[in-house]
Amino acid sequence: MDGVYLPSFNNNFSHLSYKLKRKFLILGSAHNLKELRIKEKQKVDEVFISSIFKKNKNFLGINKFNLISKLSNKKIVALGGISKENFKLINLTQSTSFAGISFFR
């Protein structure tokens, strides 16, 4: 499967003017509702929302994560600080899947 990833800082819509392959997947990331709305306008298929657990400048926590993800009909992927210790807490979210580097180390 082919695809592209649009990071949260990418606000460009030029990819919409191209004819894409039939099973071309567009992924994007967002840290807040404003960025999520941009990803929806960019017609992404799935959105990584972060940071759910990692306490950085984009930290959301489970409650804010759920509030943001409920406001979209896109597939939501939980990202940020997911470990074996907090993995079960993903079940409390509205995410369809999760991704993380520290979980797989």
C-alpha atoms as a PDB file:
ATOM      1  CA  MET A   1       0.000   0.000   0.000  1.00  0.00           C
ATOM      2  CA  ASP A   2       1.236   3.471  -0.839  1.00  0.00           C
ATOM      3  CA  GLY A   3       0.651   6.620   1.145  1.00  0.00           C
ATOM      4  CA  VAL A   4       1.874   9.852   2.617  1.00  0.00           C
ATOM      5  CA  TYR A   5       2.205  11.333   6.100  1.00  0.00           C
ATOM      6  CA  LEU A   6       1.263  14.971   6.693  1.00  0.00           C
ATOM      7  CA  PRO A   7       2.757  16.265   9.975  1.00  0.00           C
ATOM      8  CA  SER A   8       0.814  18.651  12.185  1.00  0.00           C
ATOM      9  CA  PHE A   9       2.729  21.702  10.906  1.00  0.00           C
ATOM     10  CA  ASN A  10       1.841  20.912   7.263  1.00  0.00           C
ATOM     11  CA  ASN A  11      -1.088  23.156   6.324  1.00  0.00           C
ATOM     12  CA  ASN A  12      -0.721  22.628   2.577  1.00  0.00           C
ATOM     13  CA  PHE A  13      -3.618  21.501   0.373  1.00  0.00           C
ATOM     14  CA  SER A  14      -1.727  21.026  -2.898  1.00  0.00           C
ATOM     15  CA  HIS A  15      -1.927  17.211  -2.679  1.00  0.00           C
ATOM     16  CA  LEU A  16      -5.680  17.494  -3.253  1.00  0.00           C
ATOM     17  CA  SER A  17      -5.087  18.628  -6.840  1.00  0.00           C
ATOM     18  CA  TYR A  18      -3.373  15.320  -7.755  1.00  0.00           C
ATOM     19  CA  LYS A  19      -5.094  12.170  -8.868  1.00  0.00           C
ATOM     20  CA  LEU A  20      -4.091   9.545  -6.310  1.00  0.00           C
ATOM     21  CA  LYS A  21      -3.882   5.784  -6.637  1.00  0.00           C
ATOM     22  CA  ARG A  22      -6.966   3.892  -5.568  1.00  0.00           C
ATOM     23  CA  LYS A  23      -5.608   2.568  -2.266  1.00  0.00           C
ATOM     24  CA  PHE A  24      -3.399   5.546  -1.436  1.00  0.00           C
ATOM     25  CA  LEU A  25      -3.440   6.205   2.317  1.00  0.00           C
ATOM     26  CA  ILE A  26      -3.092   9.728   3.708  1.00  0.00           C
ATOM     27  CA  LEU A  27      -2.040   9.921   7.359  1.00  0.00           C
ATOM     28  CA  GLY A  28      -1.759  13.078   9.414  1.00  0.00           C
ATOM     29  CA  SER A  29      -1.008  14.212  12.936  1.00  0.00           C
ATOM     30  CA  ALA A  30      -2.588  16.789  15.208  1.00  0.00           C
ATOM     31  CA  HIS A  31      -2.062  18.123  18.714  1.00  0.00           C
ATOM     32  CA  ASN A  32      -5.248  20.154  19.113  1.00  0.00           C
ATOM     33  CA  LEU A  33      -8.672  20.767  17.578  1.00  0.00           C
ATOM     34  CA  LYS A  34      -7.439  23.431  15.146  1.00  0.00           C
ATOM     35  CA  GLU A  35      -4.849  21.067  13.678  1.00  0.00           C
ATOM     36  CA  LEU A  36      -7.427  18.257  13.556  1.00  0.00           C
ATOM     37  CA  ARG A  37      -9.769  20.443  11.488  1.00  0.00           C
ATOM     38  CA  ILE A  38      -6.944  21.168   9.047  1.00  0.00           C
ATOM     39  CA  LYS A  39      -6.259  17.431   8.690  1.00  0.00           C
ATOM     40  CA  GLU A  40      -9.958  16.864   7.961  1.00  0.00           C
ATOM     41  CA  LYS A  41      -9.838  19.517   5.233  1.00  0.00           C
ATOM     42  CA  GLN A  42      -6.703  17.831   3.875  1.00  0.00           C
ATOM     43  CA  LYS A  43      -8.851  14.669   3.592  1.00  0.00           C
ATOM     44  CA  VAL A  44      -6.579  12.435   5.646  1.00  0.00           C
ATOM     45  CA  ASP A  45      -7.750   8.867   6.244  1.00  0.00           C
ATOM     46  CA  GLU A  46      -6.346   8.556   9.764  1.00  0.00           C
ATOM     47  CA  VAL A  47      -5.103  11.098  12.309  1.00  0.00           C
ATOM     48  CA  PHE A  48      -2.425  10.553  14.951  1.00  0.00           C
ATOM     49  CA  ILE A  49      -3.363  12.631  17.986  1.00  0.00           C
ATOM     50  CA  SER A  50      -0.624  13.246  20.518  1.00  0.00           C
ATOM     51  CA  SER A  51       0.539  13.364  23.128  1.00  0.00           C
ATOM     52  CA  ILE A  52      -1.753  11.163  25.169  1.00  0.00           C
ATOM     53  CA  PHE A  53       0.684  10.146  27.940  1.00  0.00           C
ATOM     54  CA  LYS A  54       4.044  11.816  27.284  1.00  0.00           C
ATOM     55  CA  LYS A  55       4.186  15.001  29.345  1.00  0.00           C
ATOM     56  CA  ASN A  56       5.588  17.448  26.824  1.00  0.00           C
ATOM     57  CA  LYS A  57       4.310  20.753  25.416  1.00  0.00           C
ATOM     58  CA  ASN A  58       1.588  18.851  23.505  1.00  0.00           C
ATOM     59  CA  PHE A  59       0.425  16.743  26.472  1.00  0.00           C
ATOM     60  CA  LEU A  60      -3.321  16.043  26.383  1.00  0.00           C
ATOM     61  CA  GLY A  61      -4.074  13.228  28.793  1.00  0.00           C
ATOM     62  CA  ILE A  62      -6.988  10.842  28.298  1.00  0.00           C
ATOM     63  CA  ASN A  63      -9.805  13.352  28.879  1.00  0.00           C
ATOM     64  CA  LYS A  64      -8.620  16.025  26.423  1.00  0.00           C
ATOM     65  CA  PHE A  65      -7.656  13.300  23.955  1.00  0.00           C
ATOM     66  CA  ASN A  66     -11.207  11.926  24.064  1.00  0.00           C
ATOM     67  CA  LEU A  67     -12.781  15.381  23.776  1.00  0.00           C
ATOM     68  CA  ILE A  68     -10.780  16.127  20.631  1.00  0.00           C
ATOM     69  CA  SER A  69     -11.234  12.704  19.045  1.00  0.00           C
ATOM     70  CA  LYS A  70     -15.023  12.717  19.597  1.00  0.00           C
ATOM     71  CA  LEU A  71     -15.248  15.853  17.453  1.00  0.00           C
ATOM     72  CA  SER A  72     -14.083  14.010  14.334  1.00  0.00           C
ATOM     73  CA  ASN A  73     -15.366  11.101  12.289  1.00  0.00           C
ATOM     74  CA  LYS A  74     -11.818  10.229  11.145  1.00  0.00           C
ATOM     75  CA  LYS A  75      -9.999   7.142  12.406  1.00  0.00           C
ATOM     76  CA  ILE A  76      -7.956   8.263  15.411  1.00  0.00           C
ATOM     77  CA  VAL A  77      -4.582   6.809  16.400  1.00  0.00           C
ATOM     78  CA  ALA A  78      -3.311   7.388  19.954  1.00  0.00           C
ATOM     79  CA  LEU A  79       0.334   8.500  20.099  1.00  0.00           C
ATOM     80  CA  GLY A  80       2.801   9.711  22.686  1.00  0.00           C
ATOM     81  CA  GLY A  81       4.288   7.995  25.705  1.00  0.00           C
ATOM     82  CA  ILE A  82       2.438   4.682  25.351  1.00  0.00           C
ATOM     83  CA  SER A  83       4.188   1.999  27.369  1.00  0.00           C
ATOM     84  CA  LYS A  84       3.404  -1.451  28.702  1.00  0.00           C
ATOM     85  CA  GLU A  85       2.485   0.174  32.025  1.00  0.00           C
ATOM     86  CA  ASN A  86      -0.226   2.455  30.613  1.00  0.00           C
ATOM     87  CA  PHE A  87      -1.250   0.345  27.596  1.00  0.00           C
ATOM     88  CA  LYS A  88      -4.548  -0.796  29.154  1.00  0.00           C
ATOM     89  CA  LEU A  89      -5.605   2.850  29.508  1.00  0.00           C
ATOM     90  CA  ILE A  90      -5.862   3.021  25.696  1.00  0.00           C
ATOM     91  CA  ASN A  91      -9.153   1.119  26.087  1.00  0.00           C
ATOM     92  CA  LEU A  92     -10.575   4.255  27.743  1.00  0.00           C
ATOM     93  CA  THR A  93     -10.008   6.307  24.589  1.00  0.00           C
ATOM     94  CA  GLN A  94     -11.907   6.823  21.372  1.00  0.00           C
ATOM     95  CA  SER A  95      -8.888   5.696  19.317  1.00  0.00           C
ATOM     96  CA  THR A  96      -9.092   2.960  16.699  1.00  0.00           C
ATOM     97  CA  SER A  97      -5.432   2.045  17.179  1.00  0.00           C
ATOM     98  CA  PHE A  98      -2.184   3.204  18.775  1.00  0.00           C
ATOM     99  CA  ALA A  99       1.408   3.840  17.768  1.00  0.00           C
ATOM    100  CA  GLY A 100       4.539   4.355  19.783  1.00  0.00           C
ATOM    101  CA  ILE A 101       8.246   3.830  19.856  1.00  0.00           C
ATOM    102  CA  SER A 102       8.685   3.282  23.608  1.00  0.00           C
ATOM    103  CA  PHE A 103       6.027   0.550  23.624  1.00  0.00           C
ATOM    104  CA  PHE A 104       8.029  -1.604  21.229  1.00  0.00           C
ATOM    105  CA  ARG A 105      11.476  -1.130  22.772  1.00  0.00           C
END
